[in-house]
Amino acid sequence: MSIVFVSRDEHGKVELILLDHGLYDYLNDRDRVSLCQLYKAIILHDDDLMKQYSLQLGVHGKKINACTDTDIFCS
């Protein structure tokens, strides 16, 4: 289960805070950065960056597409 909080820092910059209660493991810096960039690409619906960061994390297989508001699952 994931929860996303949206907040603003002291300078008014928007921050996305993701709590993922399904991943309790240590992430090395490279994977942590790739995962953060992947979440950002998902939010921005950037298919090319989603693919890039998914591949960096070792996810291979089906074509990766951004979900629309009506999608239940991405294919």
PDB file of N, CA and C in Angstrom:
ATOM      1  N   MET A   1       0.842  -1.176   0.000  1.00  0.00           N
ATOM      2  CA  MET A   1       0.000   0.000   0.000  1.00  0.00           C
ATOM      3  C   MET A   1       0.889   1.241   0.000  1.00  0.00           C
ATOM      4  N   SER A   2       0.600   2.175  -0.865  1.00  0.00           N
ATOM      5  CA  SER A   2       1.362   3.423  -0.926  1.00  0.00           C
ATOM      6  C   SER A   2       0.456   4.600  -0.614  1.00  0.00           C
ATOM      7  N   ILE A   3       1.037   5.566   0.053  1.00  0.00           N
ATOM      8  CA  ILE A   3       0.329   6.813   0.378  1.00  0.00           C
ATOM      9  C   ILE A   3       1.202   7.956  -0.126  1.00  0.00           C
ATOM     10  N   VAL A   4       0.579   8.926  -0.787  1.00  0.00           N
ATOM     11  CA  VAL A   4       1.313  10.085  -1.275  1.00  0.00           C
ATOM     12  C   VAL A   4       0.816  11.322  -0.540  1.00  0.00           C
ATOM     13  N   PHE A   5       1.749  12.032   0.081  1.00  0.00           N
ATOM     14  CA  PHE A   5       1.454  13.315   0.704  1.00  0.00           C
ATOM     15  C   PHE A   5       2.016  14.411  -0.180  1.00  0.00           C
ATOM     16  N   VAL A   6       1.291  15.497  -0.304  1.00  0.00           N
ATOM     17  CA  VAL A   6       1.762  16.673  -1.023  1.00  0.00           C
ATOM     18  C   VAL A   6       1.849  17.804  -0.004  1.00  0.00           C
ATOM     19  N   SER A   7       3.023  18.416   0.089  1.00  0.00           N
ATOM     20  CA  SER A   7       3.191  19.511   1.046  1.00  0.00           C
ATOM     21  C   SER A   7       4.058  20.589   0.415  1.00  0.00           C
ATOM     22  N   ARG A   8       4.215  21.664   1.121  1.00  0.00           N
ATOM     23  CA  ARG A   8       5.088  22.754   0.672  1.00  0.00           C
ATOM     24  C   ARG A   8       6.167  22.962   1.723  1.00  0.00           C
ATOM     25  N   ASP A   9       7.389  23.218   1.246  1.00  0.00           N
ATOM     26  CA  ASP A   9       8.456  23.497   2.197  1.00  0.00           C
ATOM     27  C   ASP A   9       8.392  24.962   2.624  1.00  0.00           C
ATOM     28  N   GLU A  10       9.362  25.394   3.416  1.00  0.00           N
ATOM     29  CA  GLU A  10       9.343  26.759   3.957  1.00  0.00           C
ATOM     30  C   GLU A  10       9.476  27.838   2.884  1.00  0.00           C
ATOM     31  N   HIS A  11       9.886  27.450   1.671  1.00  0.00           N
ATOM     32  CA  HIS A  11      10.011  28.400   0.563  1.00  0.00           C
ATOM     33  C   HIS A  11       8.841  28.311  -0.407  1.00  0.00           C
ATOM     34  N   GLY A  12       7.847  27.484  -0.089  1.00  0.00           N
ATOM     35  CA  GLY A  12       6.674  27.344  -0.941  1.00  0.00           C
ATOM     36  C   GLY A  12       6.815  26.307  -2.046  1.00  0.00           C
ATOM     37  N   LYS A  13       7.967  25.629  -2.101  1.00  0.00           N
ATOM     38  CA  LYS A  13       8.187  24.599  -3.114  1.00  0.00           C
ATOM     39  C   LYS A  13       7.369  23.354  -2.764  1.00  0.00           C
ATOM     40  N   VAL A  14       6.695  22.800  -3.770  1.00  0.00           N
ATOM     41  CA  VAL A  14       5.875  21.615  -3.559  1.00  0.00           C
ATOM     42  C   VAL A  14       6.774  20.385  -3.418  1.00  0.00           C
ATOM     43  N   GLU A  15       6.456  19.543  -2.428  1.00  0.00           N
ATOM     44  CA  GLU A  15       7.174  18.304  -2.204  1.00  0.00           C
ATOM     45  C   GLU A  15       6.193  17.143  -2.251  1.00  0.00           C
ATOM     46  N   LEU A  16       6.577  16.057  -2.915  1.00  0.00           N
ATOM     47  CA  LEU A  16       5.800  14.821  -2.892  1.00  0.00           C
ATOM     48  C   LEU A  16       6.492  13.871  -1.931  1.00  0.00           C
ATOM     49  N   ILE A  17       5.730  13.336  -0.992  1.00  0.00           N
ATOM     50  CA  ILE A  17       6.273  12.402  -0.012  1.00  0.00           C
ATOM     51  C   ILE A  17       5.539  11.085  -0.190  1.00  0.00           C
ATOM     52  N   LEU A  18       6.278  10.048  -0.555  1.00  0.00           N
ATOM     53  CA  LEU A  18       5.688   8.735  -0.809  1.00  0.00           C
ATOM     54  C   LEU A  18       5.999   7.810   0.356  1.00  0.00           C
ATOM     55  N   LEU A  19       4.955   7.249   0.941  1.00  0.00           N
ATOM     56  CA  LEU A  19       5.110   6.221   1.966  1.00  0.00           C
ATOM     57  C   LEU A  19       4.677   4.906   1.346  1.00  0.00           C
ATOM     58  N   ASP A  20       5.610   3.996   1.201  1.00  0.00           N
ATOM     59  CA  ASP A  20       5.322   2.703   0.596  1.00  0.00           C
ATOM     60  C   ASP A  20       5.459   1.642   1.673  1.00  0.00           C
ATOM     61  N   HIS A  21       4.327   1.116   2.127  1.00  0.00           N
ATOM     62  CA  HIS A  21       4.345   0.152   3.214  1.00  0.00           C
ATOM     63  C   HIS A  21       4.517  -1.276   2.718  1.00  0.00           C
ATOM     64  N   GLY A  22       4.999  -1.442   1.511  1.00  0.00           N
ATOM     65  CA  GLY A  22       5.263  -2.767   0.985  1.00  0.00           C
ATOM     66  C   GLY A  22       6.745  -2.988   0.755  1.00  0.00           C
ATOM     67  N   LEU A  23       7.559  -1.971   0.948  1.00  0.00           N
ATOM     68  CA  LEU A  23       8.984  -2.060   0.676  1.00  0.00           C
ATOM     69  C   LEU A  23       9.753  -1.715   1.945  1.00  0.00           C
ATOM     70  N   TYR A  24      10.128  -2.723   2.679  1.00  0.00           N
ATOM     71  CA  TYR A  24      10.936  -2.506   3.878  1.00  0.00           C
ATOM     72  C   TYR A  24      12.274  -3.191   3.657  1.00  0.00           C
ATOM     73  N   ASP A  25      13.165  -2.480   3.008  1.00  0.00           N
ATOM     74  CA  ASP A  25      14.470  -3.021   2.692  1.00  0.00           C
ATOM     75  C   ASP A  25      15.407  -1.841   2.491  1.00  0.00           C
ATOM     76  N   TYR A  26      16.686  -2.093   2.635  1.00  0.00           N
ATOM     77  CA  TYR A  26      17.679  -1.060   2.399  1.00  0.00           C
ATOM     78  C   TYR A  26      17.857  -0.867   0.892  1.00  0.00           C
ATOM     79  N   LEU A  27      17.859   0.376   0.456  1.00  0.00           N
ATOM     80  CA  LEU A  27      18.119   0.693  -0.948  1.00  0.00           C
ATOM     81  C   LEU A  27      19.468   1.391  -1.037  1.00  0.00           C
ATOM     82  N   ASN A  28      20.308   0.942  -1.968  1.00  0.00           N
ATOM     83  CA  ASN A  28      21.561   1.669  -2.170  1.00  0.00           C
ATOM     84  C   ASN A  28      21.228   3.018  -2.818  1.00  0.00           C
ATOM     85  N   ASP A  29      22.192   3.918  -2.807  1.00  0.00           N
ATOM     86  CA  ASP A  29      21.943   5.282  -3.305  1.00  0.00           C
ATOM     87  C   ASP A  29      21.498   5.304  -4.762  1.00  0.00           C
ATOM     88  N   ARG A  30      22.115   4.471  -5.593  1.00  0.00           N
ATOM     89  CA  ARG A  30      21.759   4.445  -7.021  1.00  0.00           C
ATOM     90  C   ARG A  30      20.301   4.040  -7.207  1.00  0.00           C
ATOM     91  N   ASP A  31      19.865   2.964  -6.535  1.00  0.00           N
ATOM     92  CA  ASP A  31      18.480   2.506  -6.661  1.00  0.00           C
ATOM     93  C   ASP A  31      17.501   3.496  -6.043  1.00  0.00           C
ATOM     94  N   ARG A  32      17.889   4.114  -4.939  1.00  0.00           N
ATOM     95  CA  ARG A  32      17.019   5.099  -4.293  1.00  0.00           C
ATOM     96  C   ARG A  32      16.760   6.279  -5.223  1.00  0.00           C
ATOM     97  N   VAL A  33      17.819   6.769  -5.869  1.00  0.00           N
ATOM     98  CA  VAL A  33      17.675   7.894  -6.794  1.00  0.00           C
ATOM     99  C   VAL A  33      16.841   7.475  -8.005  1.00  0.00           C
ATOM    100  N   SER A  34      17.105   6.283  -8.546  1.00  0.00           N
ATOM    101  CA  SER A  34      16.330   5.802  -9.695  1.00  0.00           C
ATOM    102  C   SER A  34      14.856   5.647  -9.338  1.00  0.00           C
ATOM    103  N   LEU A  35      14.566   5.133  -8.146  1.00  0.00           N
ATOM    104  CA  LEU A  35      13.182   4.972  -7.714  1.00  0.00           C
ATOM    105  C   LEU A  35      12.500   6.327  -7.549  1.00  0.00           C
ATOM    106  N   CYS A  36      13.206   7.285  -6.976  1.00  0.00           N
ATOM    107  CA  CYS A  36      12.642   8.640  -6.844  1.00  0.00           C
ATOM    108  C   CYS A  36      12.352   9.239  -8.218  1.00  0.00           C
ATOM    109  N   GLN A  37      13.291   9.080  -9.143  1.00  0.00           N
ATOM    110  CA  GLN A  37      13.094   9.610 -10.488  1.00  0.00           C
ATOM    111  C   GLN A  37      11.959   8.883 -11.207  1.00  0.00           C
ATOM    112  N   LEU A  38      11.812   7.584 -10.953  1.00  0.00           N
ATOM    113  CA  LEU A  38      10.710   6.827 -11.544  1.00  0.00           C
ATOM    114  C   LEU A  38       9.369   7.360 -11.048  1.00  0.00           C
ATOM    115  N   TYR A  39       9.237   7.578  -9.741  1.00  0.00           N
ATOM    116  CA  TYR A  39       7.987   8.138  -9.207  1.00  0.00           C
ATOM    117  C   TYR A  39       7.689   9.501  -9.827  1.00  0.00           C
ATOM    118  N   LYS A  40       8.713  10.327  -9.982  1.00  0.00           N
ATOM    119  CA  LYS A  40       8.527  11.638 -10.599  1.00  0.00           C
ATOM    120  C   LYS A  40       8.048  11.485 -12.043  1.00  0.00           C
ATOM    121  N   ALA A  41       8.654  10.564 -12.794  1.00  0.00           N
ATOM    122  CA  ALA A  41       8.252  10.331 -14.187  1.00  0.00           C
ATOM    123  C   ALA A  41       6.815   9.839 -14.268  1.00  0.00           C
ATOM    124  N   ILE A  42       6.408   8.996 -13.312  1.00  0.00           N
ATOM    125  CA  ILE A  42       5.021   8.519 -13.281  1.00  0.00           C
ATOM    126  C   ILE A  42       4.065   9.684 -13.069  1.00  0.00           C
ATOM    127  N   ILE A  43       4.374  10.544 -12.121  1.00  0.00           N
ATOM    128  CA  ILE A  43       3.524  11.709 -11.829  1.00  0.00           C
ATOM    129  C   ILE A  43       3.425  12.618 -13.055  1.00  0.00           C
ATOM    130  N   LEU A  44       4.529  12.764 -13.787  1.00  0.00           N
ATOM    131  CA  LEU A  44       4.566  13.644 -14.958  1.00  0.00           C
ATOM    132  C   LEU A  44       4.108  12.946 -16.242  1.00  0.00           C
ATOM    133  N   HIS A  45       3.772  11.655 -16.162  1.00  0.00           N
ATOM    134  CA  HIS A  45       3.340  10.873 -17.327  1.00  0.00           C
ATOM    135  C   HIS A  45       4.392  10.905 -18.436  1.00  0.00           C
ATOM    136  N   ASP A  46       5.667  10.809 -18.047  1.00  0.00           N
ATOM    137  CA  ASP A  46       6.768  10.837 -19.006  1.00  0.00           C
ATOM    138  C   ASP A  46       7.182   9.398 -19.312  1.00  0.00           C
ATOM    139  N   ASP A  47       6.646   8.841 -20.403  1.00  0.00           N
ATOM    140  CA  ASP A  47       6.885   7.443 -20.761  1.00  0.00           C
ATOM    141  C   ASP A  47       8.364   7.126 -20.945  1.00  0.00           C
ATOM    142  N   ASP A  48       9.101   8.025 -21.590  1.00  0.00           N
ATOM    143  CA  ASP A  48      10.517   7.764 -21.850  1.00  0.00           C
ATOM    144  C   ASP A  48      11.308   7.654 -20.546  1.00  0.00           C
ATOM    145  N   LEU A  49      11.057   8.574 -19.618  1.00  0.00           N
ATOM    146  CA  LEU A  49      11.766   8.508 -18.340  1.00  0.00           C
ATOM    147  C   LEU A  49      11.296   7.329 -17.497  1.00  0.00           C
ATOM    148  N   MET A  50      10.009   6.975 -17.583  1.00  0.00           N
ATOM    149  CA  MET A  50       9.537   5.785 -16.865  1.00  0.00           C
ATOM    150  C   MET A  50      10.301   4.562 -17.331  1.00  0.00           C
ATOM    151  N   LYS A  51      10.472   4.439 -18.637  1.00  0.00           N
ATOM    152  CA  LYS A  51      11.196   3.297 -19.185  1.00  0.00           C
ATOM    153  C   LYS A  51      12.651   3.330 -18.740  1.00  0.00           C
ATOM    154  N   GLN A  52      13.287   4.485 -18.843  1.00  0.00           N
ATOM    155  CA  GLN A  52      14.698   4.628 -18.479  1.00  0.00           C
ATOM    156  C   GLN A  52      14.943   4.198 -17.030  1.00  0.00           C
ATOM    157  N   TYR A  53      14.159   4.735 -16.097  1.00  0.00           N
ATOM    158  CA  TYR A  53      14.398   4.436 -14.688  1.00  0.00           C
ATOM    159  C   TYR A  53      13.932   3.041 -14.311  1.00  0.00           C
ATOM    160  N   SER A  54      12.920   2.525 -14.988  1.00  0.00           N
ATOM    161  CA  SER A  54      12.513   1.133 -14.757  1.00  0.00           C
ATOM    162  C   SER A  54      13.634   0.183 -15.166  1.00  0.00           C
ATOM    163  N   LEU A  55      14.236   0.442 -16.315  1.00  0.00           N
ATOM    164  CA  LEU A  55      15.349  -0.392 -16.773  1.00  0.00           C
ATOM    165  C   LEU A  55      16.532  -0.308 -15.812  1.00  0.00           C
ATOM    166  N   GLN A  56      16.803   0.885 -15.287  1.00  0.00           N
ATOM    167  CA  GLN A  56      17.891   1.031 -14.317  1.00  0.00           C
ATOM    168  C   GLN A  56      17.627   0.205 -13.060  1.00  0.00           C
ATOM    169  N   LEU A  57      16.343   0.023 -12.734  1.00  0.00           N
ATOM    170  CA  LEU A  57      15.967  -0.759 -11.552  1.00  0.00           C
ATOM    171  C   LEU A  57      15.827  -2.243 -11.863  1.00  0.00           C
ATOM    172  N   GLY A  58      16.065  -2.629 -13.111  1.00  0.00           N
ATOM    173  CA  GLY A  58      16.023  -4.035 -13.474  1.00  0.00           C
ATOM    174  C   GLY A  58      14.666  -4.542 -13.900  1.00  0.00           C
ATOM    175  N   VAL A  59      13.738  -3.635 -14.201  1.00  0.00           N
ATOM    176  CA  VAL A  59      12.405  -4.023 -14.652  1.00  0.00           C
ATOM    177  C   VAL A  59      12.444  -4.128 -16.174  1.00  0.00           C
ATOM    178  N   HIS A  60      12.175  -5.312 -16.690  1.00  0.00           N
ATOM    179  CA  HIS A  60      12.185  -5.544 -18.134  1.00  0.00           C
ATOM    180  C   HIS A  60      10.885  -6.224 -18.515  1.00  0.00           C
ATOM    181  N   GLY A  61      10.465  -6.068 -19.737  1.00  0.00           N
ATOM    182  CA  GLY A  61       9.280  -6.795 -20.189  1.00  0.00           C
ATOM    183  C   GLY A  61       8.367  -5.935 -21.009  1.00  0.00           C
ATOM    184  N   LYS A  62       7.105  -5.856 -20.586  1.00  0.00           N
ATOM    185  CA  LYS A  62       6.078  -5.167 -21.351  1.00  0.00           C
ATOM    186  C   LYS A  62       6.420  -3.706 -21.561  1.00  0.00           C
ATOM    187  N   LYS A  63       5.840  -3.147 -22.617  1.00  0.00           N
ATOM    188  CA  LYS A  63       5.973  -1.718 -22.881  1.00  0.00           C
ATOM    189  C   LYS A  63       5.384  -0.955 -21.701  1.00  0.00           C
ATOM    190  N   ILE A  64       6.053   0.087 -21.294  1.00  0.00           N
ATOM    191  CA  ILE A  64       5.610   0.883 -20.157  1.00  0.00           C
ATOM    192  C   ILE A  64       4.893   2.114 -20.678  1.00  0.00           C
ATOM    193  N   ASN A  65       3.653   2.315 -20.264  1.00  0.00           N
ATOM    194  CA  ASN A  65       2.856   3.471 -20.667  1.00  0.00           C
ATOM    195  C   ASN A  65       2.359   4.190 -19.430  1.00  0.00           C
ATOM    196  N   ALA A  66       2.189   5.494 -19.543  1.00  0.00           N
ATOM    197  CA  ALA A  66       1.610   6.255 -18.445  1.00  0.00           C
ATOM    198  C   ALA A  66       0.138   5.894 -18.301  1.00  0.00           C
ATOM    199  N   CYS A  67      -0.323   5.828 -17.081  1.00  0.00           N
ATOM    200  CA  CYS A  67      -1.738   5.533 -16.820  1.00  0.00           C
ATOM    201  C   CYS A  67      -2.565   6.801 -17.017  1.00  0.00           C
ATOM    202  N   THR A  68      -3.795   6.616 -17.408  1.00  0.00           N
ATOM    203  CA  THR A  68      -4.732   7.739 -17.463  1.00  0.00           C
ATOM    204  C   THR A  68      -5.584   7.681 -16.199  1.00  0.00           C
ATOM    205  N   ASP A  69      -6.397   8.685 -15.990  1.00  0.00           N
ATOM    206  CA  ASP A  69      -7.247   8.720 -14.807  1.00  0.00           C
ATOM    207  C   ASP A  69      -8.241   7.558 -14.766  1.00  0.00           C
ATOM    208  N   THR A  70      -8.552   6.959 -15.893  1.00  0.00           N
ATOM    209  CA  THR A  70      -9.529   5.881 -15.916  1.00  0.00           C
ATOM    210  C   THR A  70      -8.895   4.497 -15.869  1.00  0.00           C
ATOM    211  N   ASP A  71      -7.564   4.430 -15.954  1.00  0.00           N
ATOM    212  CA  ASP A  71      -6.887   3.124 -15.905  1.00  0.00           C
ATOM    213  C   ASP A  71      -6.889   2.572 -14.488  1.00  0.00           C
ATOM    214  N   ILE A  72      -7.103   1.275 -14.369  1.00  0.00           N
ATOM    215  CA  ILE A  72      -6.963   0.613 -13.079  1.00  0.00           C
ATOM    216  C   ILE A  72      -5.546   0.067 -12.957  1.00  0.00           C
ATOM    217  N   PHE A  73      -5.052  -0.530 -14.010  1.00  0.00           N
ATOM    218  CA  PHE A  73      -3.708  -1.057 -14.047  1.00  0.00           C
ATOM    219  C   PHE A  73      -3.009  -0.568 -15.308  1.00  0.00           C
ATOM    220  N   CYS A  74      -1.722  -0.319 -15.214  1.00  0.00           N
ATOM    221  CA  CYS A  74      -0.945  -0.014 -16.419  1.00  0.00           C
ATOM    222  C   CYS A  74      -0.590  -1.332 -17.090  1.00  0.00           C
ATOM    223  N   SER A  75      -0.542  -1.333 -18.409  1.00  0.00           N
ATOM    224  CA  SER A  75      -0.132  -2.552 -19.102  1.00  0.00           C
ATOM    225  C   SER A  75       1.299  -2.421 -19.568  1.00  0.00           C
TER     226      SER A  75
END
